[in-house]
């Protein structure tokens, strides 16, 4: 288990997942874009899920797929362009980047 080792090594998808989760938490906590209060709850939930899933590589990839599928479907079902729709497209693209990111080179021991 990575948490019990002397070295804590994250792969690129894990770093991206942790970064995306922390940014979602920050955007949800602070009213940056003047969004609907219900959308803040969604952002905080998505951010907390990202922070929790960043600790394992396979869970980080799953988080990327969840973002891509769920927010991608929301973005395609929109009728008008609003700030929320822009954020849904942005979150779906973040999920795509997390899903397709290469893990990096294996650490030599």
Protein backbone atom coordinates (compact mmCIF):
# COMPACT_ATOMS: atom_id res chain seq x y z
CA UNK A 1 0.00 0.00 0.00
CA UNK A 2 1.43 3.34 -1.04
CA UNK A 3 0.49 5.16 2.15
CA UNK A 4 2.61 2.86 4.32
CA UNK A 5 5.79 3.17 2.26
CA UNK A 6 8.68 5.51 2.96
CA UNK A 7 8.23 7.18 -0.44
CA UNK A 8 4.85 8.37 -1.55
CA UNK A 9 4.90 8.36 -5.35
CA UNK A 10 1.97 9.63 -7.36
CA UNK A 11 1.39 8.96 -11.03
CA UNK A 12 0.30 11.74 -13.36
CA UNK A 13 -3.39 10.74 -13.26
CA UNK A 14 -3.26 10.78 -9.46
CA UNK A 15 -1.69 14.25 -9.39
CA UNK A 16 -4.26 15.51 -11.90
CA UNK A 17 -7.09 13.97 -9.87
CA UNK A 18 -5.85 15.54 -6.65
CA UNK A 19 -5.42 18.92 -8.35
CA UNK A 20 -8.86 18.76 -9.96
CA UNK A 21 -10.44 17.71 -6.67
CA UNK A 22 -8.81 20.55 -4.76
CA UNK A 23 -9.82 23.08 -7.42
CA UNK A 24 -13.40 21.81 -7.41
CA UNK A 25 -13.45 22.14 -3.62
CA UNK A 26 -12.10 25.69 -3.81
CA UNK A 27 -14.55 26.75 -6.53
CA UNK A 28 -17.40 25.15 -4.61
CA UNK A 29 -16.47 26.73 -1.31
CA UNK A 30 -15.79 30.23 -2.59
CA UNK A 31 -18.39 31.87 -4.82
CA UNK A 32 -16.03 32.60 -7.71
CA UNK A 33 -18.47 32.55 -10.62
CA UNK A 34 -21.72 33.59 -8.90
CA UNK A 35 -23.41 30.24 -9.47
CA UNK A 36 -26.59 28.67 -8.17
CA UNK A 37 -26.08 27.44 -4.56
CA UNK A 38 -27.09 23.92 -5.60
CA UNK A 39 -24.20 23.85 -8.06
CA UNK A 40 -21.80 24.68 -5.21
CA UNK A 41 -22.91 21.51 -3.43
CA UNK A 42 -22.19 19.50 -6.58
CA UNK A 43 -18.74 21.07 -6.92
CA UNK A 44 -17.88 20.34 -3.28
CA UNK A 45 -19.05 16.74 -3.65
CA UNK A 46 -17.08 16.23 -6.87
CA UNK A 47 -14.02 17.82 -5.27
CA UNK A 48 -14.19 15.67 -2.15
CA UNK A 49 -14.58 12.58 -4.33
CA UNK A 50 -11.51 13.61 -6.35
CA UNK A 51 -9.38 14.06 -3.23
CA UNK A 52 -10.53 10.70 -1.89
CA UNK A 53 -9.93 8.85 -5.17
CA UNK A 54 -6.49 10.36 -5.84
CA UNK A 55 -4.69 7.96 -3.51
CA UNK A 56 -4.77 4.99 -5.91
CA UNK A 57 -3.96 4.96 -9.61
CA UNK A 58 -6.95 2.86 -10.69
CA UNK A 59 -9.36 5.00 -8.66
CA UNK A 60 -7.88 8.15 -10.19
CA UNK A 61 -8.58 6.78 -13.67
CA UNK A 62 -12.10 5.85 -12.60
CA UNK A 63 -12.62 9.42 -11.34
CA UNK A 64 -11.59 10.74 -14.74
CA UNK A 65 -14.08 8.43 -16.46
CA UNK A 66 -16.84 9.46 -14.05
CA UNK A 67 -16.19 13.14 -14.78
CA UNK A 68 -16.04 12.54 -18.52
CA UNK A 69 -19.23 10.50 -18.71
CA UNK A 70 -21.40 12.34 -16.19
CA UNK A 71 -20.49 15.94 -17.02
CA UNK A 72 -20.17 15.13 -20.72
CA UNK A 73 -23.76 13.87 -20.77
CA UNK A 74 -24.88 16.99 -18.92
CA UNK A 75 -23.05 19.21 -21.39
CA UNK A 76 -24.66 17.51 -24.40
CA UNK A 77 -28.15 17.80 -22.92
CA UNK A 78 -28.01 21.60 -22.56
CA UNK A 79 -30.27 23.93 -24.49
CA UNK A 80 -28.61 27.26 -23.72
CA UNK A 81 -25.14 28.54 -22.91
CA UNK A 82 -24.69 29.58 -19.28
CA UNK A 83 -21.86 29.69 -16.77
CA UNK A 84 -22.93 26.29 -15.45
CA UNK A 85 -22.76 24.78 -18.95
CA UNK A 86 -19.25 26.17 -19.43
CA UNK A 87 -18.19 24.59 -16.13
CA UNK A 88 -19.74 21.27 -17.14
CA UNK A 89 -17.78 21.23 -20.39
CA UNK A 90 -14.61 22.19 -18.50
CA UNK A 91 -15.14 19.39 -15.98
CA UNK A 92 -15.76 16.85 -18.74
CA UNK A 93 -12.52 17.91 -20.45
CA UNK A 94 -10.65 17.56 -17.15
CA UNK A 95 -12.02 14.02 -16.91
CA UNK A 96 -10.78 13.30 -20.43
CA UNK A 97 -7.28 14.57 -19.57
CA UNK A 98 -7.18 12.46 -16.38
CA UNK A 99 -8.35 9.38 -18.27
CA UNK A 100 -5.84 9.73 -21.10
CA UNK A 101 -2.82 10.91 -19.07
CA UNK A 102 0.14 8.56 -19.19
CA UNK A 103 1.26 7.35 -15.75
CA UNK A 104 4.93 8.22 -16.35
CA UNK A 105 8.04 6.11 -16.10
CA UNK A 106 8.33 3.40 -13.51
CA UNK A 107 10.48 4.43 -10.57
CA UNK A 108 13.73 2.53 -10.37
CA UNK A 109 14.53 0.89 -7.04
